[in-house]
Amino acid sequence: MDDDKRLLAVGRMVLGLIIAAVAGGISIATYANAGEEGGTYYVFWGAIAVGGFMFLSGLVSFLATLSDPFSSQSNWDHIPSSQVPGTRTRTQSPPMSRAEVRRIGRAMAMVRRKRREAEEDELIEGPLSRSQPSGSYSETDNAE
């Protein structure tokens, strides 16, 4: 696995150097051809920049494979995953029982009923009392 990554990184570095060298060579050749009296020459700075970027990204990838402490998982096989640096353990809450779901449902229904009664008595004027555009959801639409 690491050998594949290293091989790809070296290939990216070599290809980047080739692109930058060819673009630089053509730029130098057109400059030399322009002559001292003036003339047109081309600098392929885009290709030089792309080649340089490819070389640097390949170099960074190559160095990352050399210094990656997790590249060989066999070093960490004897340690529980909760103690391996860079890993997290997820804690899951236990599933709710039917009684808890019913209790929460009754509490929500009671809150909706109290809000509806308060709006009817004009004690509060909240967002539920405003008219809703057609097609939008409102808790009053979901009344029991």
N, C-alpha and C. Protein backbone atom coordinates (compact mmCIF):
# COMPACT_ATOMS: atom_id res chain seq x y z
N MET A 1 0.83 -1.19 0.00
CA MET A 1 0.00 0.00 0.00
C MET A 1 0.87 1.26 0.00
N ASP A 2 1.83 1.29 0.93
CA ASP A 2 2.72 2.46 0.98
C ASP A 2 3.59 2.54 -0.26
N ASP A 3 3.98 1.36 -0.77
CA ASP A 3 4.81 1.36 -1.98
C ASP A 3 4.05 1.95 -3.16
N ASP A 4 2.75 1.66 -3.24
CA ASP A 4 1.93 2.22 -4.31
C ASP A 4 1.85 3.74 -4.20
N LYS A 5 1.66 4.22 -2.96
CA LYS A 5 1.58 5.67 -2.75
C LYS A 5 2.90 6.34 -3.09
N ARG A 6 3.99 5.71 -2.68
CA ARG A 6 5.31 6.28 -2.98
C ARG A 6 5.58 6.30 -4.47
N LEU A 7 5.19 5.22 -5.15
CA LEU A 7 5.39 5.15 -6.59
C LEU A 7 4.58 6.23 -7.31
N LEU A 8 3.34 6.44 -6.88
CA LEU A 8 2.52 7.51 -7.48
C LEU A 8 3.13 8.88 -7.21
N ALA A 9 3.65 9.08 -6.00
CA ALA A 9 4.25 10.37 -5.66
C ALA A 9 5.50 10.63 -6.50
N VAL A 10 6.34 9.61 -6.66
CA VAL A 10 7.55 9.76 -7.48
C VAL A 10 7.17 10.01 -8.94
N GLY A 11 6.15 9.31 -9.43
CA GLY A 11 5.69 9.54 -10.80
C GLY A 11 5.18 10.96 -11.01
N ARG A 12 4.45 11.49 -10.01
CA ARG A 12 3.96 12.86 -10.10
C ARG A 12 5.13 13.85 -10.09
N MET A 13 6.15 13.56 -9.29
CA MET A 13 7.32 14.45 -9.25
C MET A 13 8.05 14.44 -10.59
N VAL A 14 8.25 13.26 -11.15
CA VAL A 14 8.97 13.14 -12.43
C VAL A 14 8.18 13.82 -13.54
N LEU A 15 6.88 13.58 -13.61
CA LEU A 15 6.06 14.20 -14.64
C LEU A 15 6.06 15.73 -14.50
N GLY A 16 6.00 16.21 -13.27
CA GLY A 16 6.07 17.65 -13.04
C GLY A 16 7.38 18.25 -13.51
N LEU A 17 8.48 17.54 -13.22
CA LEU A 17 9.78 18.03 -13.69
C LEU A 17 9.87 18.03 -15.21
N ILE A 18 9.34 17.00 -15.84
CA ILE A 18 9.38 16.94 -17.31
C ILE A 18 8.58 18.08 -17.91
N ILE A 19 7.38 18.32 -17.41
CA ILE A 19 6.54 19.41 -17.94
C ILE A 19 7.23 20.75 -17.75
N ALA A 20 7.76 21.00 -16.55
CA ALA A 20 8.42 22.28 -16.29
C ALA A 20 9.68 22.43 -17.13
N ALA A 21 10.45 21.36 -17.31
CA ALA A 21 11.68 21.43 -18.09
C ALA A 21 11.40 21.67 -19.57
N VAL A 22 10.40 20.98 -20.11
CA VAL A 22 10.05 21.18 -21.52
C VAL A 22 9.55 22.60 -21.74
N ALA A 23 8.67 23.08 -20.87
CA ALA A 23 8.15 24.44 -21.01
C ALA A 23 9.26 25.47 -20.85
N GLY A 24 10.16 25.23 -19.89
CA GLY A 24 11.29 26.15 -19.71
C GLY A 24 12.23 26.12 -20.90
N GLY A 25 12.48 24.94 -21.43
CA GLY A 25 13.36 24.82 -22.60
C GLY A 25 12.79 25.52 -23.82
N ILE A 26 11.50 25.36 -24.07
CA ILE A 26 10.86 26.04 -25.20
C ILE A 26 10.89 27.55 -25.00
N SER A 27 10.65 27.99 -23.76
CA SER A 27 10.69 29.43 -23.47
C SER A 27 12.08 30.00 -23.74
N ILE A 28 13.12 29.29 -23.31
CA ILE A 28 14.50 29.75 -23.54
C ILE A 28 14.83 29.74 -25.04
N ALA A 29 14.37 28.72 -25.74
CA ALA A 29 14.64 28.63 -27.18
C ALA A 29 13.97 29.78 -27.94
N THR A 30 12.73 30.11 -27.60
CA THR A 30 12.06 31.23 -28.29
C THR A 30 12.70 32.56 -27.93
N TYR A 31 13.20 32.70 -26.72
CA TYR A 31 13.89 33.93 -26.33
C TYR A 31 15.20 34.09 -27.10
N ALA A 32 15.94 32.98 -27.23
CA ALA A 32 17.21 33.02 -27.97
C ALA A 32 16.97 33.26 -29.46
N ASN A 33 15.88 32.79 -29.98
CA ASN A 33 15.54 32.97 -31.38
C ASN A 33 15.08 34.40 -31.70
N ALA A 34 14.62 35.10 -30.69
CA ALA A 34 14.10 36.44 -30.92
C ALA A 34 15.22 37.39 -31.35
N GLY A 35 16.43 37.14 -30.94
CA GLY A 35 17.56 37.96 -31.36
C GLY A 35 17.69 39.22 -30.52
N GLU A 36 18.83 39.90 -30.72
CA GLU A 36 19.11 41.10 -29.95
C GLU A 36 18.37 42.31 -30.47
N GLU A 37 17.94 42.27 -31.70
CA GLU A 37 17.26 43.42 -32.31
C GLU A 37 15.80 43.49 -31.92
N GLY A 38 15.34 42.53 -31.22
CA GLY A 38 13.93 42.49 -30.83
C GLY A 38 13.20 41.42 -31.61
N GLY A 39 12.10 41.08 -31.14
CA GLY A 39 11.32 40.03 -31.78
C GLY A 39 10.36 39.45 -30.77
N THR A 40 9.65 38.48 -31.23
CA THR A 40 8.65 37.87 -30.36
C THR A 40 9.20 36.60 -29.75
N TYR A 41 8.99 36.48 -28.47
CA TYR A 41 9.34 35.23 -27.80
C TYR A 41 8.21 34.88 -26.83
N TYR A 42 8.14 33.64 -26.47
CA TYR A 42 7.06 33.14 -25.62
C TYR A 42 7.63 32.56 -24.34
N VAL A 43 6.95 32.84 -23.26
CA VAL A 43 7.29 32.25 -21.98
C VAL A 43 6.08 31.41 -21.55
N PHE A 44 6.28 30.14 -21.46
CA PHE A 44 5.20 29.22 -21.10
C PHE A 44 5.12 29.10 -19.57
N TRP A 45 4.77 30.21 -18.95
CA TRP A 45 4.76 30.26 -17.49
C TRP A 45 3.67 29.39 -16.89
N GLY A 46 2.57 29.20 -17.59
CA GLY A 46 1.50 28.34 -17.07
C GLY A 46 1.95 26.90 -16.95
N ALA A 47 2.61 26.41 -18.00
CA ALA A 47 3.09 25.03 -17.97
C ALA A 47 4.21 24.87 -16.95
N ILE A 48 5.03 25.90 -16.81
CA ILE A 48 6.10 25.84 -15.80
C ILE A 48 5.48 25.79 -14.40
N ALA A 49 4.44 26.60 -14.18
CA ALA A 49 3.77 26.62 -12.87
C ALA A 49 3.08 25.29 -12.58
N VAL A 50 2.41 24.73 -13.58
CA VAL A 50 1.73 23.44 -13.39
C VAL A 50 2.75 22.35 -13.09
N GLY A 51 3.85 22.33 -13.82
CA GLY A 51 4.89 21.35 -13.57
C GLY A 51 5.49 21.50 -12.18
N GLY A 52 5.72 22.74 -11.78
CA GLY A 52 6.24 22.98 -10.43
C GLY A 52 5.27 22.54 -9.36
N PHE A 53 3.98 22.82 -9.58
CA PHE A 53 2.97 22.40 -8.62
C PHE A 53 2.89 20.88 -8.53
N MET A 54 2.93 20.22 -9.68
CA MET A 54 2.89 18.75 -9.67
C MET A 54 4.10 18.17 -8.93
N PHE A 55 5.27 18.78 -9.17
CA PHE A 55 6.47 18.30 -8.49
C PHE A 55 6.34 18.47 -6.98
N LEU A 56 5.89 19.66 -6.55
CA LEU A 56 5.77 19.92 -5.11
C LEU A 56 4.71 19.03 -4.46
N SER A 57 3.57 18.83 -5.13
CA SER A 57 2.54 17.96 -4.54
C SER A 57 3.03 16.52 -4.46
N GLY A 58 3.79 16.07 -5.46
CA GLY A 58 4.38 14.74 -5.40
C GLY A 58 5.40 14.62 -4.27
N LEU A 59 6.17 15.68 -4.08
CA LEU A 59 7.16 15.67 -3.00
C LEU A 59 6.48 15.61 -1.63
N VAL A 60 5.43 16.39 -1.46
CA VAL A 60 4.70 16.37 -0.19
C VAL A 60 4.08 14.99 0.04
N SER A 61 3.50 14.40 -0.99
CA SER A 61 2.92 13.06 -0.86
C SER A 61 3.99 12.03 -0.52
N PHE A 62 5.13 12.14 -1.15
CA PHE A 62 6.22 11.20 -0.89
C PHE A 62 6.70 11.33 0.55
N LEU A 63 6.89 12.56 1.02
CA LEU A 63 7.35 12.77 2.39
C LEU A 63 6.30 12.32 3.40
N ALA A 64 5.02 12.45 3.05
CA ALA A 64 3.96 12.00 3.95
C ALA A 64 3.96 10.49 4.11
N THR A 65 4.32 9.76 3.06
CA THR A 65 4.37 8.31 3.19
C THR A 65 5.56 7.87 4.03
N LEU A 66 6.61 8.68 4.04
CA LEU A 66 7.78 8.32 4.84
C LEU A 66 7.56 8.56 6.32
N SER A 67 6.82 9.64 6.65
CA SER A 67 6.69 10.00 8.05
C SER A 67 5.33 9.68 8.63
N ASP A 68 4.50 8.92 7.93
CA ASP A 68 3.17 8.59 8.43
C ASP A 68 3.26 7.50 9.49
N PRO A 69 2.98 7.83 10.76
CA PRO A 69 3.11 6.82 11.81
C PRO A 69 2.03 5.75 11.72
N PHE A 70 0.94 6.02 11.01
CA PHE A 70 -0.15 5.06 10.91
C PHE A 70 -0.10 4.26 9.62
N SER A 71 1.00 4.38 8.86
CA SER A 71 1.08 3.68 7.59
C SER A 71 1.08 2.17 7.79
N SER A 72 1.63 1.70 8.89
CA SER A 72 1.62 0.28 9.18
C SER A 72 0.73 0.05 10.39
N GLN A 73 -0.44 -0.47 10.18
CA GLN A 73 -1.39 -0.67 11.27
C GLN A 73 -0.95 -1.78 12.22
N SER A 74 0.03 -2.59 11.81
CA SER A 74 0.46 -3.68 12.68
C SER A 74 1.10 -3.13 13.96
N ASN A 75 1.59 -1.89 13.94
CA ASN A 75 2.16 -1.29 15.13
C ASN A 75 1.11 -1.05 16.20
N TRP A 76 -0.17 -0.94 15.80
CA TRP A 76 -1.23 -0.56 16.73
C TRP A 76 -2.20 -1.70 16.99
N ASP A 77 -1.92 -2.90 16.49
CA ASP A 77 -2.87 -3.99 16.63
C ASP A 77 -3.09 -4.41 18.08
N HIS A 78 -2.09 -4.28 18.91
CA HIS A 78 -2.21 -4.74 20.28
C HIS A 78 -2.84 -3.69 21.20
N ILE A 79 -3.10 -2.49 20.70
CA ILE A 79 -3.66 -1.40 21.52
C ILE A 79 -5.13 -1.25 21.17
N PRO A 80 -6.00 -1.09 22.17
CA PRO A 80 -7.43 -0.85 21.87
C PRO A 80 -7.61 0.43 21.07
N SER A 81 -8.62 0.43 20.19
CA SER A 81 -8.80 1.57 19.29
C SER A 81 -9.07 2.86 20.04
N SER A 82 -9.58 2.78 21.26
CA SER A 82 -9.85 4.01 22.02
C SER A 82 -8.56 4.69 22.46
N GLN A 83 -7.44 3.96 22.46
CA GLN A 83 -6.18 4.54 22.89
C GLN A 83 -5.24 4.88 21.74
N VAL A 84 -5.63 4.58 20.52
CA VAL A 84 -4.80 4.90 19.36
C VAL A 84 -4.99 6.37 19.04
N PRO A 85 -3.90 7.14 18.94
CA PRO A 85 -4.04 8.56 18.63
C PRO A 85 -4.73 8.77 17.29
N GLY A 86 -5.61 9.74 17.25
CA GLY A 86 -6.29 10.08 16.01
C GLY A 86 -7.58 9.32 15.78
N THR A 87 -7.96 8.44 16.70
CA THR A 87 -9.22 7.72 16.56
C THR A 87 -10.17 8.15 17.66
N ARG A 88 -11.43 8.09 17.38
CA ARG A 88 -12.44 8.45 18.38
C ARG A 88 -13.37 7.27 18.58
N THR A 89 -13.85 7.16 19.78
CA THR A 89 -14.88 6.16 20.03
C THR A 89 -16.21 6.88 20.12
N ARG A 90 -17.21 6.29 19.52
CA ARG A 90 -18.53 6.90 19.53
C ARG A 90 -19.35 6.23 20.62
N THR A 91 -20.01 7.06 21.40
CA THR A 91 -20.92 6.52 22.40
C THR A 91 -22.33 6.66 21.87
N GLN A 92 -23.08 5.60 21.93
CA GLN A 92 -24.45 5.63 21.47
C GLN A 92 -25.36 5.60 22.66
N SER A 93 -26.39 6.42 22.57
CA SER A 93 -27.38 6.37 23.63
C SER A 93 -28.25 5.14 23.39
N PRO A 94 -28.71 4.53 24.47
CA PRO A 94 -29.53 3.34 24.28
C PRO A 94 -30.86 3.71 23.63
N PRO A 95 -31.48 2.80 22.92
CA PRO A 95 -32.76 3.11 22.28
C PRO A 95 -33.84 3.39 23.32
N MET A 96 -34.77 4.27 22.93
CA MET A 96 -35.85 4.61 23.86
C MET A 96 -36.88 3.48 23.90
N SER A 97 -37.44 3.31 25.07
CA SER A 97 -38.50 2.32 25.20
C SER A 97 -39.81 2.91 24.69
N ARG A 98 -40.81 2.06 24.50
CA ARG A 98 -42.12 2.52 24.03
C ARG A 98 -42.75 3.47 25.04
N ALA A 99 -42.53 3.20 26.31
CA ALA A 99 -43.10 4.07 27.35
C ALA A 99 -42.51 5.47 27.27
N GLU A 100 -41.19 5.55 27.01
CA GLU A 100 -40.56 6.86 26.88
C GLU A 100 -41.07 7.61 25.67
N VAL A 101 -41.26 6.90 24.56
CA VAL A 101 -41.76 7.53 23.35
C VAL A 101 -43.18 8.05 23.59
N ARG A 102 -44.03 7.25 24.26
CA ARG A 102 -45.39 7.69 24.57
C ARG A 102 -45.38 8.90 25.50
N ARG A 103 -44.49 8.88 26.50
CA ARG A 103 -44.42 9.99 27.44
C ARG A 103 -44.03 11.28 26.74
N ILE A 104 -43.04 11.20 25.85
CA ILE A 104 -42.61 12.39 25.09
C ILE A 104 -43.72 12.86 24.16
N GLY A 105 -44.42 11.92 23.52
CA GLY A 105 -45.53 12.29 22.66
C GLY A 105 -46.64 12.99 23.41
N ARG A 106 -46.96 12.49 24.61
CA ARG A 106 -48.00 13.15 25.43
C ARG A 106 -47.56 14.54 25.85
N ALA A 107 -46.29 14.70 26.21
CA ALA A 107 -45.78 16.02 26.61
C ALA A 107 -45.85 17.00 25.45
N MET A 108 -45.49 16.55 24.24
CA MET A 108 -45.56 17.44 23.08
C MET A 108 -47.00 17.82 22.77
N ALA A 109 -47.91 16.85 22.89
CA ALA A 109 -49.33 17.14 22.64
C ALA A 109 -49.85 18.15 23.66
N MET A 110 -49.42 18.01 24.90
CA MET A 110 -49.86 18.95 25.94
C MET A 110 -49.34 20.36 25.64
N VAL A 111 -48.09 20.46 25.20
CA VAL A 111 -47.53 21.77 24.86
C VAL A 111 -48.31 22.39 23.70
N ARG A 112 -48.61 21.60 22.67
CA ARG A 112 -49.39 22.13 21.55
C ARG A 112 -50.77 22.58 21.99
N ARG A 113 -51.42 21.79 22.86
CA ARG A 113 -52.74 22.15 23.35
C ARG A 113 -52.70 23.45 24.15
N LYS A 114 -51.69 23.61 25.02
CA LYS A 114 -51.57 24.83 25.82
C LYS A 114 -51.32 26.04 24.94
N ARG A 115 -50.51 25.88 23.91
CA ARG A 115 -50.27 27.00 23.00
C ARG A 115 -51.55 27.39 22.26
N ARG A 116 -52.27 26.39 21.81
CA ARG A 116 -53.52 26.67 21.10
C ARG A 116 -54.51 27.39 22.00
N GLU A 117 -54.62 26.93 23.25
CA GLU A 117 -55.54 27.59 24.20
C GLU A 117 -55.10 29.02 24.47
N ALA A 118 -53.80 29.22 24.62
CA ALA A 118 -53.30 30.57 24.90
C ALA A 118 -53.54 31.49 23.72
N GLU A 119 -53.37 30.97 22.50
CA GLU A 119 -53.64 31.79 21.33
C GLU A 119 -55.11 32.13 21.22
N GLU A 120 -55.95 31.15 21.55
CA GLU A 120 -57.38 31.42 21.50
C GLU A 120 -57.78 32.47 22.52
N ASP A 121 -57.13 32.46 23.65
CA ASP A 121 -57.43 33.45 24.69
C ASP A 121 -56.69 34.76 24.44
N GLU A 122 -55.93 34.82 23.38
CA GLU A 122 -55.14 36.00 23.01
C GLU A 122 -54.19 36.45 24.11
N LEU A 123 -53.68 35.48 24.84
CA LEU A 123 -52.71 35.81 25.88
C LEU A 123 -51.32 36.00 25.28
N ILE A 124 -51.02 35.20 24.27
CA ILE A 124 -49.74 35.37 23.59
C ILE A 124 -50.01 35.51 22.11
N GLU A 125 -49.09 36.15 21.44
CA GLU A 125 -49.17 36.27 20.00
C GLU A 125 -47.82 35.85 19.46
N GLY A 126 -47.71 34.60 19.09
CA GLY A 126 -46.45 34.06 18.64
C GLY A 126 -46.47 33.75 17.16
N PRO A 127 -45.41 33.10 16.69
CA PRO A 127 -45.32 32.79 15.27
C PRO A 127 -46.39 31.82 14.81
N LEU A 128 -46.99 31.06 15.74
CA LEU A 128 -48.02 30.11 15.34
C LEU A 128 -49.33 30.80 15.04
N SER A 129 -49.51 32.05 15.54
CA SER A 129 -50.77 32.74 15.30
C SER A 129 -50.75 33.49 13.98
N ARG A 130 -49.58 33.68 13.39
CA ARG A 130 -49.49 34.37 12.11
C ARG A 130 -49.96 33.44 11.01
N SER A 131 -50.48 34.01 9.94
CA SER A 131 -50.93 33.17 8.84
C SER A 131 -49.71 32.62 8.10
N GLN A 132 -49.79 31.36 7.75
CA GLN A 132 -48.70 30.69 7.06
C GLN A 132 -48.98 30.67 5.57
N PRO A 133 -47.95 30.82 4.73
CA PRO A 133 -48.18 30.69 3.29
C PRO A 133 -48.65 29.28 2.97
N SER A 134 -49.37 29.15 1.88
CA SER A 134 -49.90 27.83 1.52
C SER A 134 -48.76 26.87 1.25
N GLY A 135 -48.94 25.64 1.71
CA GLY A 135 -47.93 24.62 1.48
C GLY A 135 -46.87 24.56 2.54
N SER A 136 -46.84 25.48 3.49
CA SER A 136 -45.81 25.43 4.52
C SER A 136 -46.37 24.70 5.74
N TYR A 137 -45.50 24.29 6.60
CA TYR A 137 -45.87 23.49 7.75
C TYR A 137 -46.12 24.39 8.93
N SER A 138 -47.13 24.07 9.69
CA SER A 138 -47.43 24.78 10.91
C SER A 138 -47.84 23.75 11.94
N GLU A 139 -47.50 23.98 13.20
CA GLU A 139 -47.87 23.01 14.21
C GLU A 139 -49.37 22.95 14.38
N THR A 140 -50.09 24.04 14.05
CA THR A 140 -51.54 24.00 14.16
C THR A 140 -52.14 23.13 13.09
N ASP A 141 -51.42 22.90 11.96
CA ASP A 141 -51.91 22.02 10.91
C ASP A 141 -51.87 20.56 11.37
N ASN A 142 -51.01 20.27 12.33
CA ASN A 142 -50.80 18.91 12.77
C ASN A 142 -51.57 18.62 14.06
N ALA A 143 -52.64 19.35 14.31
CA ALA A 143 -53.39 19.21 15.55
C ALA A 143 -54.06 17.85 15.61
N GLU A 144 -54.28 17.41 16.84
CA GLU A 144 -54.89 16.09 17.02
C GLU A 144 -56.39 16.15 16.88
